[in-house]
Amino acid sequence: MVKNILALRFANVFYEAVWDRRHISNVQITFKEPFGTEGRGGYFDEFGIIRDVMQNHLLQVLSIVAMHPPKSLRSEDIRDRKTEVLRRILPIQLEDTLLGQYVGTRDSNRPGYKDDETVPKSSITPTYAQCVLHVDNDRWRGVPWVIKAGKALDEAKMIIRIQFKDMVNALFPNLARNELILQVSPKESVTIKTIVKEPGLSTNLAMSELDLTYHKRYQDLKIPDAYATLILDVLNGDHSNFVRSDELDEAWRIFTPLLHQIEKEEVVPLPYEYGSTGPKGADEFPIERAGYKPTAKEYHWEPKTAVNGGKL
């Protein structure tokens, strides 16, 4: 799905036409794991969630979503564009960061992070983090990018949520915002939240969706594992999805000041229960820091059911 971002952006005129600060309000990139550090707590405690996931994996995804069109699909042309984006990202501020550390559940069926014998009882290593980044170029200036990652959460998911700006239209006031949602895992899908008129004689509007769920649309094709794809890239000499040394330098430039400040000030992460959605304030974070507007509570999406022998 990450590789598919290039096709979505540069093979479809309507995506690239609105892929900038004039149309996009905010972007969220989320990585959630439903398990903790069981068996590797001592290793994880040396690094924390920011170094483990955000500085590398999520920042790479951000650079692909944000980059300008490459000159070609050659590996070095793609990596040149990714590096250009990273060079324009401002260092992250502590006030734009939320840290958390999971604790055991009340019924004690799930252990907390510091219940691991290999983790110091005084550890303040975060297992959850949300950060707001800003890309200081003409395409993205003023658009907040929220990246968040956490362990021991409620589900396994990696998702890219692009929320567009409010529709300025006197005909239909107070509309919900359109969103493009790319679910990278566990089930690859592309969903566009869109406004439609409700069926019937009324003129009421409702939120609906255009949905492409890969395992349903492409039932006759085997979708390879992500690491299998990367191994094939190695064998084919394709470096486009691997980090170049200058990309790595820029990634550390963005995160190192924040990491040093967290360690110097000994910032204590907020507790959250194993299996929850994160620490207190996590759900409000993108609303307050990035201006994200949640869709109305009455909107509920149900996956499409395959018909005609599985063909849609």
C-alpha atoms as a PDB file:
ATOM      1  CA  MET A   1       0.000   0.000   0.000  1.00  0.00           C
ATOM      2  CA  VAL A   2       2.879   2.395   0.711  1.00  0.00           C
ATOM      3  CA  LYS A   3       4.199   1.745  -2.782  1.00  0.00           C
ATOM      4  CA  ASN A   4       0.698   2.351  -4.125  1.00  0.00           C
ATOM      5  CA  ILE A   5       0.820   5.955  -2.905  1.00  0.00           C
ATOM      6  CA  LEU A   6       2.939   6.842  -5.934  1.00  0.00           C
ATOM      7  CA  ALA A   7       0.338   5.385  -8.293  1.00  0.00           C
ATOM      8  CA  LEU A   8      -2.578   7.046  -6.511  1.00  0.00           C
ATOM      9  CA  ARG A   9      -0.924  10.457  -6.562  1.00  0.00           C
ATOM     10  CA  PHE A  10       0.754  10.575  -9.940  1.00  0.00           C
ATOM     11  CA  ALA A  11      -1.508   8.341 -12.089  1.00  0.00           C
ATOM     12  CA  ASN A  12      -4.793  10.073 -11.137  1.00  0.00           C
ATOM     13  CA  VAL A  13      -5.336  13.689 -12.073  1.00  0.00           C
ATOM     14  CA  PHE A  14      -7.895  14.408  -9.341  1.00  0.00           C
ATOM     15  CA  TYR A  15      -5.564  13.381  -6.470  1.00  0.00           C
ATOM     16  CA  GLU A  16      -2.535  15.396  -7.505  1.00  0.00           C
ATOM     17  CA  ALA A  17      -4.758  18.388  -8.298  1.00  0.00           C
ATOM     18  CA  VAL A  18      -5.718  18.739  -4.614  1.00  0.00           C
ATOM     19  CA  TRP A  19      -2.489  17.475  -3.019  1.00  0.00           C
ATOM     20  CA  ASP A  20      -1.387  20.715  -1.361  1.00  0.00           C
ATOM     21  CA  ARG A  21      -2.036  23.223   1.432  1.00  0.00           C
ATOM     22  CA  ARG A  22      -4.836  24.951  -0.474  1.00  0.00           C
ATOM     23  CA  HIS A  23      -7.050  21.879  -0.188  1.00  0.00           C
ATOM     24  CA  ILE A  24      -5.689  19.697   2.628  1.00  0.00           C
ATOM     25  CA  SER A  25      -6.265  20.672   6.255  1.00  0.00           C
ATOM     26  CA  ASN A  26      -4.188  18.037   8.062  1.00  0.00           C
ATOM     27  CA  VAL A  27      -2.626  14.606   7.679  1.00  0.00           C
ATOM     28  CA  GLN A  28      -2.402  11.822  10.273  1.00  0.00           C
ATOM     29  CA  ILE A  29      -0.151   8.770  10.028  1.00  0.00           C
ATOM     30  CA  THR A  30      -0.955   6.166  12.685  1.00  0.00           C
ATOM     31  CA  PHE A  31       0.797   2.946  13.658  1.00  0.00           C
ATOM     32  CA  LYS A  32      -0.864   0.786  16.333  1.00  0.00           C
ATOM     33  CA  GLU A  33       0.203  -2.546  17.814  1.00  0.00           C
ATOM     34  CA  PRO A  34      -2.109  -4.637  20.048  1.00  0.00           C
ATOM     35  CA  PHE A  35       0.782  -6.215  21.981  1.00  0.00           C
ATOM     36  CA  GLY A  36       3.395  -4.847  24.332  1.00  0.00           C
ATOM     37  CA  THR A  37       7.128  -5.498  24.603  1.00  0.00           C
ATOM     38  CA  GLU A  38       6.732  -9.002  25.969  1.00  0.00           C
ATOM     39  CA  GLY A  39      10.114 -10.718  25.795  1.00  0.00           C
ATOM     40  CA  ARG A  40      12.053  -7.684  24.602  1.00  0.00           C
ATOM     41  CA  GLY A  41      11.381  -5.030  27.230  1.00  0.00           C
ATOM     42  CA  GLY A  42      15.056  -4.637  28.129  1.00  0.00           C
ATOM     43  CA  TYR A  43      15.956  -4.001  24.495  1.00  0.00           C
ATOM     44  CA  PHE A  44      13.062  -1.633  23.895  1.00  0.00           C
ATOM     45  CA  ASP A  45      13.821   0.395  27.027  1.00  0.00           C
ATOM     46  CA  GLU A  46      17.085   1.561  25.474  1.00  0.00           C
ATOM     47  CA  PHE A  47      15.283   3.145  22.540  1.00  0.00           C
ATOM     48  CA  GLY A  48      11.585   3.874  23.097  1.00  0.00           C
ATOM     49  CA  ILE A  49       8.764   4.184  20.600  1.00  0.00           C
ATOM     50  CA  ILE A  50      10.120   7.295  18.845  1.00  0.00           C
ATOM     51  CA  ARG A  51      13.402   5.663  17.818  1.00  0.00           C
ATOM     52  CA  ASP A  52      11.751   2.272  17.286  1.00  0.00           C
ATOM     53  CA  VAL A  53       9.015   3.324  14.867  1.00  0.00           C
ATOM     54  CA  MET A  54       8.546   7.053  14.292  1.00  0.00           C
ATOM     55  CA  GLN A  55      11.999   8.292  13.321  1.00  0.00           C
ATOM     56  CA  ASN A  56      12.302   5.664  10.600  1.00  0.00           C
ATOM     57  CA  HIS A  57       9.113   3.932   9.419  1.00  0.00           C
ATOM     58  CA  LEU A  58       6.554   6.704   9.866  1.00  0.00           C
ATOM     59  CA  LEU A  59       8.868   9.449   8.662  1.00  0.00           C
ATOM     60  CA  GLN A  60       9.512   7.442   5.499  1.00  0.00           C
ATOM     61  CA  VAL A  61       5.777   7.178   4.874  1.00  0.00           C
ATOM     62  CA  LEU A  62       5.399  10.918   5.467  1.00  0.00           C
ATOM     63  CA  SER A  63       8.122  11.711   2.943  1.00  0.00           C
ATOM     64  CA  ILE A  64       6.402   9.610   0.259  1.00  0.00           C
ATOM     65  CA  VAL A  65       3.030  11.251   0.879  1.00  0.00           C
ATOM     66  CA  ALA A  66       4.512  14.763   0.929  1.00  0.00           C
ATOM     67  CA  MET A  67       7.153  14.675  -1.785  1.00  0.00           C
ATOM     68  CA  HIS A  68       7.035  16.498  -5.103  1.00  0.00           C
ATOM     69  CA  PRO A  69       6.686  14.429  -8.306  1.00  0.00           C
ATOM     70  CA  PRO A  70       9.987  12.651  -9.023  1.00  0.00           C
ATOM     71  CA  LYS A  71      11.695  13.032 -12.378  1.00  0.00           C
ATOM     72  CA  SER A  72      11.208   9.322 -12.966  1.00  0.00           C
ATOM     73  CA  LEU A  73      10.460   6.114 -11.063  1.00  0.00           C
ATOM     74  CA  ARG A  74      14.181   5.380 -10.734  1.00  0.00           C
ATOM     75  CA  SER A  75      15.222   4.712  -7.157  1.00  0.00           C
ATOM     76  CA  GLU A  76      17.544   7.691  -6.849  1.00  0.00           C
ATOM     77  CA  ASP A  77      14.989  10.126  -8.311  1.00  0.00           C
ATOM     78  CA  ILE A  78      12.433   8.968  -5.743  1.00  0.00           C
ATOM     79  CA  ARG A  79      14.932   9.181  -2.886  1.00  0.00           C
ATOM     80  CA  ASP A  80      15.993  12.652  -4.019  1.00  0.00           C
ATOM     81  CA  ARG A  81      12.403  13.855  -3.638  1.00  0.00           C
ATOM     82  CA  LYS A  82      11.997  12.152  -0.255  1.00  0.00           C
ATOM     83  CA  THR A  83      15.151  13.815   1.005  1.00  0.00           C
ATOM     84  CA  GLU A  84      13.941  17.213  -0.236  1.00  0.00           C
ATOM     85  CA  VAL A  85      10.861  16.847   1.967  1.00  0.00           C
ATOM     86  CA  LEU A  86      12.865  15.805   5.017  1.00  0.00           C
ATOM     87  CA  ARG A  87      15.138  18.840   4.649  1.00  0.00           C
ATOM     88  CA  ARG A  88      12.103  21.108   4.898  1.00  0.00           C
ATOM     89  CA  ILE A  89      10.662  19.554   8.065  1.00  0.00           C
ATOM     90  CA  LEU A  90      11.177  21.708  11.131  1.00  0.00           C
ATOM     91  CA  PRO A  91      12.526  20.114  14.353  1.00  0.00           C
ATOM     92  CA  ILE A  92       9.693  18.813  16.539  1.00  0.00           C
ATOM     93  CA  GLN A  93       8.777  20.803  19.632  1.00  0.00           C
ATOM     94  CA  LEU A  94       8.099  19.175  22.991  1.00  0.00           C
ATOM     95  CA  GLU A  95       4.848  21.146  23.365  1.00  0.00           C
ATOM     96  CA  ASP A  96       3.644  19.444  20.169  1.00  0.00           C
ATOM     97  CA  THR A  97       4.345  15.990  21.596  1.00  0.00           C
ATOM     98  CA  LEU A  98       2.280  13.591  23.713  1.00  0.00           C
ATOM     99  CA  LEU A  99       4.012  10.653  25.408  1.00  0.00           C
ATOM    100  CA  GLY A 100       2.514   7.599  27.086  1.00  0.00           C
ATOM    101  CA  GLN A 101       3.526   4.332  28.752  1.00  0.00           C
ATOM    102  CA  TYR A 102       1.168   1.384  29.117  1.00  0.00           C
ATOM    103  CA  VAL A 103       0.229  -0.126  32.452  1.00  0.00           C
ATOM    104  CA  GLY A 104      -1.422  -3.418  33.336  1.00  0.00           C
ATOM    105  CA  THR A 105      -5.169  -3.863  33.160  1.00  0.00           C
ATOM    106  CA  ARG A 106      -7.203  -3.788  36.322  1.00  0.00           C
ATOM    107  CA  ASP A 107      -7.948  -7.500  36.127  1.00  0.00           C
ATOM    108  CA  SER A 108      -4.174  -8.110  35.843  1.00  0.00           C
ATOM    109  CA  ASN A 109      -4.607 -10.319  32.773  1.00  0.00           C
ATOM    110  CA  ARG A 110      -2.264  -8.080  30.806  1.00  0.00           C
ATOM    111  CA  PRO A 111       1.016  -6.918  32.326  1.00  0.00           C
ATOM    112  CA  GLY A 112       2.188  -3.330  32.290  1.00  0.00           C
ATOM    113  CA  TYR A 113       5.416  -2.214  30.660  1.00  0.00           C
ATOM    114  CA  LYS A 114       7.301  -2.041  33.967  1.00  0.00           C
ATOM    115  CA  ASP A 115       5.961  -5.440  35.029  1.00  0.00           C
ATOM    116  CA  ASP A 116       8.576  -6.897  32.680  1.00  0.00           C
ATOM    117  CA  GLU A 117      11.527  -8.043  34.810  1.00  0.00           C
ATOM    118  CA  THR A 118      13.976  -6.685  32.215  1.00  0.00           C
ATOM    119  CA  VAL A 119      12.569  -3.146  32.478  1.00  0.00           C
ATOM    120  CA  PRO A 120      13.716  -0.871  35.360  1.00  0.00           C
ATOM    121  CA  LYS A 121      10.884   0.016  37.732  1.00  0.00           C
ATOM    122  CA  SER A 122      11.869   3.684  37.382  1.00  0.00           C
ATOM    123  CA  SER A 123      11.712   3.633  33.568  1.00  0.00           C
ATOM    124  CA  ILE A 124      10.116   6.634  31.858  1.00  0.00           C
ATOM    125  CA  THR A 125      10.656   5.267  28.346  1.00  0.00           C
ATOM    126  CA  PRO A 126       7.568   6.054  26.231  1.00  0.00           C
ATOM    127  CA  THR A 127       5.698   3.207  24.560  1.00  0.00           C
ATOM    128  CA  TYR A 128       3.302   5.666  22.892  1.00  0.00           C
ATOM    129  CA  ALA A 129       3.919   9.005  21.190  1.00  0.00           C
ATOM    130  CA  GLN A 130       2.112  11.571  19.073  1.00  0.00           C
ATOM    131  CA  CYS A 131       3.981  14.420  17.394  1.00  0.00           C
ATOM    132  CA  VAL A 132       3.014  17.311  15.135  1.00  0.00           C
ATOM    133  CA  LEU A 133       5.411  18.000  12.267  1.00  0.00           C
ATOM    134  CA  HIS A 134       5.469  20.913   9.832  1.00  0.00           C
ATOM    135  CA  VAL A 135       6.847  20.793   6.283  1.00  0.00           C
ATOM    136  CA  ASP A 136       8.103  24.282   5.495  1.00  0.00           C
ATOM    137  CA  ASN A 137       7.727  24.438   1.708  1.00  0.00           C
ATOM    138  CA  ASP A 138       5.273  26.020  -0.707  1.00  0.00           C
ATOM    139  CA  ARG A 139       3.208  22.857  -1.083  1.00  0.00           C
ATOM    140  CA  TRP A 140       2.665  22.113   2.615  1.00  0.00           C
ATOM    141  CA  ARG A 141       3.365  25.255   4.642  1.00  0.00           C
ATOM    142  CA  GLY A 142       0.728  25.548   7.382  1.00  0.00           C
ATOM    143  CA  VAL A 143      -0.504  21.935   7.133  1.00  0.00           C
ATOM    144  CA  PRO A 144       0.005  19.962  10.388  1.00  0.00           C
ATOM    145  CA  TRP A 145       1.246  16.386  10.036  1.00  0.00           C
ATOM    146  CA  VAL A 146       0.403  14.206  13.054  1.00  0.00           C
ATOM    147  CA  ILE A 147       2.386  10.999  13.392  1.00  0.00           C
ATOM    148  CA  LYS A 148       1.503   8.611  16.190  1.00  0.00           C
ATOM    149  CA  ALA A 149       2.625   5.179  17.244  1.00  0.00           C
ATOM    150  CA  GLY A 150       2.021   2.973  20.230  1.00  0.00           C
ATOM    151  CA  LYS A 151       2.250  -0.489  21.693  1.00  0.00           C
ATOM    152  CA  ALA A 152      -0.348  -2.406  23.719  1.00  0.00           C
ATOM    153  CA  LEU A 153      -3.232  -0.556  22.069  1.00  0.00           C
ATOM    154  CA  ASP A 154      -6.725  -1.704  21.101  1.00  0.00           C
ATOM    155  CA  GLU A 155      -5.960  -2.993  17.603  1.00  0.00           C
ATOM    156  CA  ALA A 156      -3.322  -3.627  14.946  1.00  0.00           C
ATOM    157  CA  LYS A 157      -3.469  -0.947  12.286  1.00  0.00           C
ATOM    158  CA  MET A 158      -1.390   1.360  10.137  1.00  0.00           C
ATOM    159  CA  ILE A 159      -3.387   4.094   8.488  1.00  0.00           C
ATOM    160  CA  ILE A 160      -2.836   7.358   6.615  1.00  0.00           C
ATOM    161  CA  ARG A 161      -5.716   9.812   7.054  1.00  0.00           C
ATOM    162  CA  ILE A 162      -5.771  12.895   4.817  1.00  0.00           C
ATOM    163  CA  GLN A 163      -8.473  15.383   5.781  1.00  0.00           C
ATOM    164  CA  PHE A 164      -9.444  18.083   3.317  1.00  0.00           C
ATOM    165  CA  LYS A 165     -10.489  21.608   4.195  1.00  0.00           C
ATOM    166  CA  ASP A 166     -14.056  22.763   4.753  1.00  0.00           C
ATOM    167  CA  MET A 167     -16.182  23.196   1.655  1.00  0.00           C
ATOM    168  CA  VAL A 168     -16.876  26.905   1.178  1.00  0.00           C
ATOM    169  CA  ASN A 169     -20.351  26.709  -0.269  1.00  0.00           C
ATOM    170  CA  ALA A 170     -23.419  28.658   0.813  1.00  0.00           C
ATOM    171  CA  LEU A 171     -25.711  26.009  -0.689  1.00  0.00           C
ATOM    172  CA  PHE A 172     -24.725  23.388   1.882  1.00  0.00           C
ATOM    173  CA  PRO A 173     -23.489  24.917   5.142  1.00  0.00           C
ATOM    174  CA  ASN A 174     -21.815  22.984   7.979  1.00  0.00           C
ATOM    175  CA  LEU A 175     -20.711  20.063   5.863  1.00  0.00           C
ATOM    176  CA  ALA A 176     -18.494  17.313   7.228  1.00  0.00           C
ATOM    177  CA  ARG A 177     -15.031  17.235   5.728  1.00  0.00           C
ATOM    178  CA  ASN A 178     -13.958  14.895   2.942  1.00  0.00           C
ATOM    179  CA  GLU A 179     -11.224  12.434   3.850  1.00  0.00           C
ATOM    180  CA  LEU A 180      -8.944  10.096   1.945  1.00  0.00           C
ATOM    181  CA  ILE A 181      -7.999   7.115   4.117  1.00  0.00           C
ATOM    182  CA  LEU A 182      -5.248   4.700   3.115  1.00  0.00           C
ATOM    183  CA  GLN A 183      -5.115   1.637   5.346  1.00  0.00           C
ATOM    184  CA  VAL A 184      -1.703   0.050   4.944  1.00  0.00           C
ATOM    185  CA  SER A 185      -2.343  -2.894   7.267  1.00  0.00           C
ATOM    186  CA  PRO A 186      -3.699  -5.314   8.252  1.00  0.00           C
ATOM    187  CA  LYS A 187      -6.228  -5.132   5.393  1.00  0.00           C
ATOM    188  CA  GLU A 188      -5.129  -2.842   2.588  1.00  0.00           C
ATOM    189  CA  SER A 189      -7.830  -0.417   1.491  1.00  0.00           C
ATOM    190  CA  VAL A 190      -8.486   3.020   0.044  1.00  0.00           C
ATOM    191  CA  THR A 191     -11.567   4.871   1.280  1.00  0.00           C
ATOM    192  CA  ILE A 192     -12.872   8.313   0.383  1.00  0.00           C
ATOM    193  CA  LYS A 193     -15.407   9.876   2.713  1.00  0.00           C
ATOM    194  CA  THR A 194     -17.805  11.865   0.576  1.00  0.00           C
ATOM    195  CA  ILE A 195     -21.080  13.782   0.954  1.00  0.00           C
ATOM    196  CA  VAL A 196     -24.176  12.453  -0.819  1.00  0.00           C
ATOM    197  CA  LYS A 197     -27.910  13.101  -0.727  1.00  0.00           C
ATOM    198  CA  GLU A 198     -29.899  10.583   1.259  1.00  0.00           C
ATOM    199  CA  PRO A 199     -32.197   8.368  -0.863  1.00  0.00           C
ATOM    200  CA  GLY A 200     -35.819   9.408  -1.033  1.00  0.00           C
ATOM    201  CA  LEU A 201     -37.696  12.657  -1.430  1.00  0.00           C
ATOM    202  CA  SER A 202     -35.787  14.687   1.151  1.00  0.00           C
ATOM    203  CA  THR A 203     -32.792  16.906   0.453  1.00  0.00           C
ATOM    204  CA  ASN A 204     -30.910  15.712   3.538  1.00  0.00           C
ATOM    205  CA  LEU A 205     -27.185  15.161   3.113  1.00  0.00           C
ATOM    206  CA  ALA A 206     -25.225  12.268   4.592  1.00  0.00           C
ATOM    207  CA  MET A 207     -21.648  11.064   4.822  1.00  0.00           C
ATOM    208  CA  SER A 208     -20.912   7.983   2.735  1.00  0.00           C
ATOM    209  CA  GLU A 209     -17.807   6.407   1.250  1.00  0.00           C
ATOM    210  CA  LEU A 210     -16.155   5.193  -1.908  1.00  0.00           C
ATOM    211  CA  ASP A 211     -14.379   2.023  -0.902  1.00  0.00           C
ATOM    212  CA  LEU A 212     -11.616  -0.107  -2.406  1.00  0.00           C
ATOM    213  CA  THR A 213     -10.760  -3.024  -0.132  1.00  0.00           C
ATOM    214  CA  TYR A 214      -7.941  -4.939  -1.767  1.00  0.00           C
ATOM    215  CA  HIS A 215      -8.641  -8.445  -0.461  1.00  0.00           C
ATOM    216  CA  LYS A 216     -12.201  -8.180  -1.777  1.00  0.00           C
ATOM    217  CA  ARG A 217     -11.515  -6.399  -5.063  1.00  0.00           C
ATOM    218  CA  TYR A 218      -8.557  -8.621  -5.955  1.00  0.00           C
ATOM    219  CA  GLN A 219      -9.624 -12.007  -4.653  1.00  0.00           C
ATOM    220  CA  ASP A 220      -7.867 -13.886  -7.456  1.00  0.00           C
ATOM    221  CA  LEU A 221      -4.486 -12.299  -6.730  1.00  0.00           C
ATOM    222  CA  LYS A 222      -2.106 -13.102  -3.905  1.00  0.00           C
ATOM    223  CA  ILE A 223      -0.991  -9.948  -2.114  1.00  0.00           C
ATOM    224  CA  PRO A 224       2.582 -10.605  -0.930  1.00  0.00           C
ATOM    225  CA  ASP A 225       3.846  -9.849   2.546  1.00  0.00           C
ATOM    226  CA  ALA A 226       5.532  -6.448   2.868  1.00  0.00           C
ATOM    227  CA  TYR A 227       8.912  -7.925   3.795  1.00  0.00           C
ATOM    228  CA  ALA A 228       8.726 -10.364   0.881  1.00  0.00           C
ATOM    229  CA  THR A 229       8.306  -7.370  -1.409  1.00  0.00           C
ATOM    230  CA  LEU A 230      11.327  -5.652   0.121  1.00  0.00           C
ATOM    231  CA  ILE A 231      13.472  -8.767  -0.294  1.00  0.00           C
ATOM    232  CA  LEU A 232      12.484  -8.856  -3.955  1.00  0.00           C
ATOM    233  CA  ASP A 233      13.479  -5.181  -4.229  1.00  0.00           C
ATOM    234  CA  VAL A 234      16.900  -6.072  -2.847  1.00  0.00           C
ATOM    235  CA  LEU A 235      17.326  -8.850  -5.411  1.00  0.00           C
ATOM    236  CA  ASN A 236      16.243  -6.506  -8.205  1.00  0.00           C
ATOM    237  CA  GLY A 237      18.510  -3.693  -7.036  1.00  0.00           C
ATOM    238  CA  ASP A 238      15.566  -1.343  -6.346  1.00  0.00           C
ATOM    239  CA  HIS A 239      16.605   1.085  -3.567  1.00  0.00           C
ATOM    240  CA  SER A 240      13.562   3.353  -3.642  1.00  0.00           C
ATOM    241  CA  ASN A 241      12.118   2.019  -0.366  1.00  0.00           C
ATOM    242  CA  PHE A 242      15.388   1.978   1.524  1.00  0.00           C
ATOM    243  CA  VAL A 243      16.939   4.835   3.466  1.00  0.00           C
ATOM    244  CA  ARG A 244      19.876   6.683   1.961  1.00  0.00           C
ATOM    245  CA  SER A 245      22.533   8.182   4.252  1.00  0.00           C
ATOM    246  CA  ASP A 246      21.383  11.777   3.683  1.00  0.00           C
ATOM    247  CA  GLU A 247      17.780  10.756   4.460  1.00  0.00           C
ATOM    248  CA  LEU A 248      18.987   9.231   7.716  1.00  0.00           C
ATOM    249  CA  ASP A 249      20.890  12.399   8.625  1.00  0.00           C
ATOM    250  CA  GLU A 250      17.786  14.511   8.085  1.00  0.00           C
ATOM    251  CA  ALA A 251      15.586  12.131  10.069  1.00  0.00           C
ATOM    252  CA  TRP A 252      17.875  12.422  13.090  1.00  0.00           C
ATOM    253  CA  ARG A 253      18.065  16.203  12.665  1.00  0.00           C
ATOM    254  CA  ILE A 254      14.271  16.343  13.020  1.00  0.00           C
ATOM    255  CA  PHE A 255      13.989  14.099  16.091  1.00  0.00           C
ATOM    256  CA  THR A 256      17.281  14.469  17.989  1.00  0.00           C
ATOM    257  CA  PRO A 257      16.516  17.826  19.674  1.00  0.00           C
ATOM    258  CA  LEU A 258      13.188  16.436  20.917  1.00  0.00           C
ATOM    259  CA  LEU A 259      14.790  13.223  22.198  1.00  0.00           C
ATOM    260  CA  HIS A 260      17.506  15.166  24.017  1.00  0.00           C
ATOM    261  CA  GLN A 261      14.932  17.465  25.619  1.00  0.00           C
ATOM    262  CA  ILE A 262      12.792  14.524  26.763  1.00  0.00           C
ATOM    263  CA  GLU A 263      15.846  12.897  28.348  1.00  0.00           C
ATOM    264  CA  LYS A 264      17.213  16.130  29.865  1.00  0.00           C
ATOM    265  CA  GLU A 265      13.910  17.158  31.419  1.00  0.00           C
ATOM    266  CA  GLU A 266      13.047  13.554  32.337  1.00  0.00           C
ATOM    267  CA  VAL A 267       9.552  13.883  30.892  1.00  0.00           C
ATOM    268  CA  VAL A 268       7.253  11.330  32.514  1.00  0.00           C
ATOM    269  CA  PRO A 269       4.880   9.674  30.009  1.00  0.00           C
ATOM    270  CA  LEU A 270       1.174   9.515  30.748  1.00  0.00           C
ATOM    271  CA  PRO A 271      -0.146   6.082  31.770  1.00  0.00           C
ATOM    272  CA  TYR A 272      -2.640   4.172  29.629  1.00  0.00           C
ATOM    273  CA  GLU A 273      -4.152   0.734  30.076  1.00  0.00           C
ATOM    274  CA  TYR A 274      -3.025  -2.197  27.967  1.00  0.00           C
ATOM    275  CA  GLY A 275      -5.633  -2.572  25.195  1.00  0.00           C
ATOM    276  CA  SER A 276      -6.900   1.018  25.306  1.00  0.00           C
ATOM    277  CA  THR A 277      -6.685   3.716  22.622  1.00  0.00           C
ATOM    278  CA  GLY A 278      -3.814   5.474  24.372  1.00  0.00           C
ATOM    279  CA  PRO A 279      -3.231   7.928  27.223  1.00  0.00           C
ATOM    280  CA  LYS A 280      -5.715  10.558  28.319  1.00  0.00           C
ATOM    281  CA  GLY A 281      -5.888  13.301  25.711  1.00  0.00           C
ATOM    282  CA  ALA A 282      -4.717  11.092  22.838  1.00  0.00           C
ATOM    283  CA  ASP A 283      -8.050  11.270  20.998  1.00  0.00           C
ATOM    284  CA  GLU A 284      -8.220  15.061  21.421  1.00  0.00           C
ATOM    285  CA  PHE A 285      -4.593  15.627  20.401  1.00  0.00           C
ATOM    286  CA  PRO A 286      -5.152  15.916  16.599  1.00  0.00           C
ATOM    287  CA  ILE A 287      -8.222  18.064  17.201  1.00  0.00           C
ATOM    288  CA  GLU A 288      -6.383  20.551  19.381  1.00  0.00           C
ATOM    289  CA  ARG A 289      -2.985  20.517  17.684  1.00  0.00           C
ATOM    290  CA  ALA A 290      -3.878  19.929  14.043  1.00  0.00           C
ATOM    291  CA  GLY A 291      -7.425  21.198  13.659  1.00  0.00           C
ATOM    292  CA  TYR A 292      -8.790  17.772  12.777  1.00  0.00           C
ATOM    293  CA  LYS A 293     -12.596  17.644  12.620  1.00  0.00           C
ATOM    294  CA  PRO A 294     -14.107  14.231  13.458  1.00  0.00           C
ATOM    295  CA  THR A 295     -16.949  12.955  11.319  1.00  0.00           C
ATOM    296  CA  ALA A 296     -20.386  13.125  12.941  1.00  0.00           C
ATOM    297  CA  LYS A 297     -21.013  10.300  15.408  1.00  0.00           C
ATOM    298  CA  GLU A 298     -24.029   9.038  13.473  1.00  0.00           C
ATOM    299  CA  TYR A 299     -21.798   8.117  10.515  1.00  0.00           C
ATOM    300  CA  HIS A 300     -20.987   4.395  10.550  1.00  0.00           C
ATOM    301  CA  TRP A 301     -19.136   2.520   7.860  1.00  0.00           C
ATOM    302  CA  GLU A 302     -19.727  -1.149   7.162  1.00  0.00           C
ATOM    303  CA  PRO A 303     -17.387  -3.105   4.838  1.00  0.00           C
ATOM    304  CA  LYS A 304     -18.964  -4.053   1.547  1.00  0.00           C
ATOM    305  CA  THR A 305     -20.185  -7.631   1.095  1.00  0.00           C
ATOM    306  CA  ALA A 306     -18.980  -9.454  -1.983  1.00  0.00           C
ATOM    307  CA  VAL A 307     -21.657 -10.654  -4.398  1.00  0.00           C
ATOM    308  CA  ASN A 308     -21.816 -12.786  -7.523  1.00  0.00           C
ATOM    309  CA  GLY A 309     -19.286 -15.348  -6.389  1.00  0.00           C
ATOM    310  CA  GLY A 310     -17.027 -12.820  -4.747  1.00  0.00           C
ATOM    311  CA  LYS A 311     -16.817 -10.408  -7.693  1.00  0.00           C
ATOM    312  CA  LEU A 312     -17.848  -6.803  -7.046  1.00  0.00           C
END
